[in-house]
C-alpha atoms as a PDB file:
ATOM      1  CA  MET A   1      -2.791 -15.709  -6.859  1.00  0.00           C
ATOM      2  CA  ASP A   2      -1.426 -12.216  -7.308  1.00  0.00           C
ATOM      3  CA  PRO A   3      -2.547 -10.222  -4.584  1.00  0.00           C
ATOM      4  CA  LEU A   4      -2.692  -7.580  -7.311  1.00  0.00           C
ATOM      5  CA  THR A   5      -5.615  -9.781  -9.231  1.00  0.00           C
ATOM      6  CA  ASN A   6      -7.731 -10.148  -5.659  1.00  0.00           C
ATOM      7  CA  ALA A   7      -7.783  -6.372  -5.745  1.00  0.00           C
ATOM      8  CA  GLY A   8     -10.633  -6.341  -7.594  1.00  0.00           C
ATOM      9  CA  LEU A   9     -12.288  -9.189  -5.493  1.00  0.00           C
ATOM     10  CA  GLY A  10     -12.370  -7.156  -2.356  1.00  0.00           C
ATOM     11  CA  ALA A  11      -9.027  -8.466  -0.588  1.00  0.00           C
ATOM     12  CA  ARG A  12      -7.042  -4.749  -0.003  1.00  0.00           C
ATOM     13  CA  ARG A  13      -3.517  -4.277  -0.024  1.00  0.00           C
ATOM     14  CA  ASN A  14      -1.201  -3.879   3.452  1.00  0.00           C
ATOM     15  CA  GLU A  15      -0.098  -0.430   1.873  1.00  0.00           C
ATOM     16  CA  ASP A  16      -3.847   0.817   1.214  1.00  0.00           C
ATOM     17  CA  ILE A  17      -4.717  -0.337   5.138  1.00  0.00           C
ATOM     18  CA  ALA A  18      -2.110   1.311   6.490  1.00  0.00           C
ATOM     19  CA  LEU A  19      -2.356   4.642   4.645  1.00  0.00           C
ATOM     20  CA  ASP A  20      -6.283   4.656   5.810  1.00  0.00           C
ATOM     21  CA  LEU A  21      -4.407   3.732   9.278  1.00  0.00           C
ATOM     22  CA  LEU A  22      -1.986   7.024   8.647  1.00  0.00           C
ATOM     23  CA  LYS A  23      -5.364   9.385   7.963  1.00  0.00           C
ATOM     24  CA  PHE A  24      -7.102   8.075  10.432  1.00  0.00           C
ATOM     25  CA  VAL A  25      -3.959   8.538  13.389  1.00  0.00           C
ATOM     26  CA  ALA A  26      -3.015  12.495  11.157  1.00  0.00           C
ATOM     27  CA  ALA A  27      -6.614  13.370  11.857  1.00  0.00           C
ATOM     28  CA  THR A  28      -7.484  12.429  15.336  1.00  0.00           C
ATOM     29  CA  ALA A  29      -4.044  13.291  16.882  1.00  0.00           C
ATOM     30  CA  GLY A  30      -4.068  16.872  15.008  1.00  0.00           C
ATOM     31  CA  VAL A  31      -1.060  16.682  12.703  1.00  0.00           C
ATOM     32  CA  GLY A  32      -0.873  18.605   9.042  1.00  0.00           C
ATOM     33  CA  ARG A  33      -3.091  21.169  10.905  1.00  0.00           C
ATOM     34  CA  PRO A  34      -1.336  24.439  10.869  1.00  0.00           C
ATOM     35  CA  VAL A  35      -0.770  25.804  14.276  1.00  0.00           C
ATOM     36  CA  VAL A  36      -3.440  28.699  15.103  1.00  0.00           C
ATOM     37  CA  ALA A  37      -1.216  31.926  16.114  1.00  0.00           C
ATOM     38  CA  SER A  38      -2.416  33.534  19.698  1.00  0.00           C
ATOM     39  CA  THR A  39      -1.580  36.889  21.275  1.00  0.00           C
ATOM     40  CA  GLY A  40       0.925  36.380  23.621  1.00  0.00           C
ATOM     41  CA  PHE A  41       4.094  34.176  23.783  1.00  0.00           C
ATOM     42  CA  SER A  42       4.426  31.520  21.411  1.00  0.00           C
ATOM     43  CA  GLY A  43       6.071  28.098  22.772  1.00  0.00           C
ATOM     44  CA  ALA A  44       7.538  27.230  19.205  1.00  0.00           C
ATOM     45  CA  SER A  45       7.003  28.519  15.627  1.00  0.00           C
ATOM     46  CA  ALA A  46       5.145  26.025  12.630  1.00  0.00           C
ATOM     47  CA  PRO A  47       7.044  22.965  11.428  1.00  0.00           C
ATOM     48  CA  LYS A  48       8.434  23.742   8.392  1.00  0.00           C
ATOM     49  CA  PRO A  49       6.442  22.245   4.977  1.00  0.00           C
ATOM     50  CA  GLU A  50       9.646  19.633   4.961  1.00  0.00           C
ATOM     51  CA  GLU A  51       9.927  18.270   8.161  1.00  0.00           C
ATOM     52  CA  HIS A  52       5.888  17.946   8.103  1.00  0.00           C
ATOM     53  CA  VAL A  53       6.585  15.798   4.929  1.00  0.00           C
ATOM     54  CA  ALA A  54       9.103  13.678   7.282  1.00  0.00           C
ATOM     55  CA  GLN A  55       6.740  13.595  10.250  1.00  0.00           C
ATOM     56  CA  LEU A  56       3.884  12.233   7.767  1.00  0.00           C
ATOM     57  CA  LEU A  57       6.372   9.379   6.068  1.00  0.00           C
ATOM     58  CA  GLU A  58       7.693   8.445   8.871  1.00  0.00           C
ATOM     59  CA  LEU A  59       3.790   7.812  10.239  1.00  0.00           C
ATOM     60  CA  TYR A  60       3.026   5.679   7.186  1.00  0.00           C
ATOM     61  CA  SER A  61       5.623   3.999   7.160  1.00  0.00           C
ATOM     62  CA  ARG A  62       5.394   3.128  11.355  1.00  0.00           C
ATOM     63  CA  CYS A  63       1.694   2.460  10.175  1.00  0.00           C
ATOM     64  CA  LEU A  64       2.542   0.153   7.224  1.00  0.00           C
ATOM     65  CA  SER A  65       4.983  -2.168  10.186  1.00  0.00           C
ATOM     66  CA  ALA A  66       1.938  -1.953  12.242  1.00  0.00           C
ATOM     67  CA  VAL A  67      -0.389  -3.487   9.578  1.00  0.00           C
ATOM     68  CA  GLU A  68       2.092  -5.735   8.710  1.00  0.00           C
ATOM     69  CA  GLY A  69       2.483  -7.430  12.004  1.00  0.00           C
ATOM     70  CA  LYS A  70       5.629  -5.978  12.171  1.00  0.00           C
ATOM     71  CA  GLY A  71       7.132  -4.596  16.082  1.00  0.00           C
ATOM     72  CA  PRO A  72       8.744  -2.189  17.245  1.00  0.00           C
ATOM     73  CA  GLU A  73      12.142  -4.212  17.842  1.00  0.00           C
ATOM     74  CA  GLN A  74      12.257  -5.562  13.583  1.00  0.00           C
ATOM     75  CA  GLU A  75      11.391  -2.477  12.919  1.00  0.00           C
ATOM     76  CA  LYS A  76      14.376  -1.000  13.500  1.00  0.00           C
ATOM     77  CA  ALA A  77      16.199  -3.799  12.939  1.00  0.00           C
ATOM     78  CA  GLY A  78      14.346  -4.054   9.275  1.00  0.00           C
ATOM     79  CA  LYS A  79      15.968  -0.152   8.879  1.00  0.00           C
ATOM     80  CA  GLY A  80      19.469  -1.072   9.425  1.00  0.00           C
ATOM     81  CA  ALA A  81      19.716  -3.563   6.974  1.00  0.00           C
ATOM     82  CA  ALA A  82      17.828  -1.708   4.628  1.00  0.00           C
ATOM     83  CA  GLN A  83      21.025   1.225   5.309  1.00  0.00           C
END
Protein backbone atom coordinates (compact mmCIF):
# COMPACT_ATOMS: atom_id res chain seq x y z
CA MET A 1 0.00 0.00 0.00
CA ASP A 2 1.18 3.54 -0.75
CA PRO A 3 2.63 5.37 2.32
CA LEU A 4 0.61 8.48 1.44
CA THR A 5 -2.60 6.43 1.48
CA ASN A 6 -1.90 5.42 5.07
CA ALA A 7 -1.11 8.98 6.14
CA GLY A 8 -4.72 9.62 7.16
CA LEU A 9 -4.75 6.48 9.31
CA GLY A 10 -2.15 7.73 11.76
CA ALA A 11 1.00 6.63 9.97
CA ARG A 12 3.64 9.34 9.69
CA ARG A 13 6.21 9.79 6.98
CA ASN A 14 9.90 9.99 7.86
CA GLU A 15 9.99 13.57 6.57
CA ASP A 16 7.30 14.63 9.04
CA ILE A 17 9.07 12.95 11.94
CA ALA A 18 12.38 14.54 10.91
CA LEU A 19 10.70 17.95 10.80
CA ASP A 20 9.35 17.50 14.33
CA LEU A 21 12.80 16.41 15.47
CA LEU A 22 14.31 19.49 13.80
CA LYS A 23 11.86 21.74 15.66
CA PHE A 24 12.69 20.09 18.97
CA VAL A 25 16.46 20.24 18.48
CA ALA A 26 16.34 23.83 17.22
CA ALA A 27 14.24 24.97 20.18
CA THR A 28 16.36 23.09 22.70
CA ALA A 29 19.71 24.22 21.29
CA GLY A 30 18.57 27.77 20.58
CA VAL A 31 19.10 27.52 16.84
CA GLY A 32 17.27 30.30 15.09
CA ARG A 33 17.19 32.72 17.96
CA PRO A 34 18.64 36.12 17.21
CA VAL A 35 21.88 37.06 18.90
CA VAL A 36 21.16 39.41 21.78
CA ALA A 37 23.29 42.53 21.74
CA SER A 38 25.20 43.26 24.90
CA THR A 39 27.42 46.03 26.10
CA GLY A 40 31.15 45.59 25.94
CA PHE A 41 32.99 43.22 23.71
CA SER A 42 31.09 40.91 21.43
CA GLY A 43 32.59 37.65 20.25
CA ALA A 44 30.83 37.24 16.94
CA SER A 45 28.33 39.00 14.77
CA ALA A 46 24.92 37.59 14.02
CA PRO A 47 24.89 35.01 11.25
CA LYS A 48 23.60 36.08 7.86
CA PRO A 49 20.18 34.74 6.82
CA GLU A 50 21.82 32.55 4.15
CA GLU A 51 24.09 30.96 6.76
CA HIS A 52 21.14 30.42 9.07
CA VAL A 53 19.13 28.68 6.34
CA ALA A 54 22.13 26.50 5.46
CA GLN A 55 22.46 25.47 9.11
CA LEU A 56 18.78 24.57 9.33
CA LEU A 57 18.91 22.54 6.10
CA GLU A 58 21.97 20.67 7.35
CA LEU A 59 20.21 19.99 10.65
CA TYR A 60 17.11 18.73 8.81
CA SER A 61 19.28 16.44 6.70
CA ARG A 62 20.87 15.02 9.84
CA CYS A 63 17.45 14.57 11.49
CA LEU A 64 16.11 12.75 8.42
CA SER A 65 19.14 10.46 8.37
CA ALA A 66 18.62 9.70 12.07
CA VAL A 67 14.94 8.89 11.52
CA GLU A 68 15.77 6.61 8.59
CA GLY A 69 18.31 4.79 10.75
CA LYS A 70 21.37 5.90 8.82
CA GLY A 71 24.55 6.47 10.76
CA PRO A 72 27.07 9.24 10.08
CA GLU A 73 29.17 6.93 7.91
CA GLN A 74 26.21 6.02 5.69
CA GLU A 75 25.12 9.67 5.49
CA LYS A 76 28.56 10.73 4.22
CA ALA A 77 28.62 7.88 1.70
CA GLY A 78 25.20 8.93 0.39
CA LYS A 79 26.30 12.53 -0.10
CA GLY A 80 29.35 11.45 -2.08
CA ALA A 81 27.25 9.31 -4.39
CA ALA A 82 24.68 12.06 -4.96
CA GLN A 83 27.23 14.66 -6.05
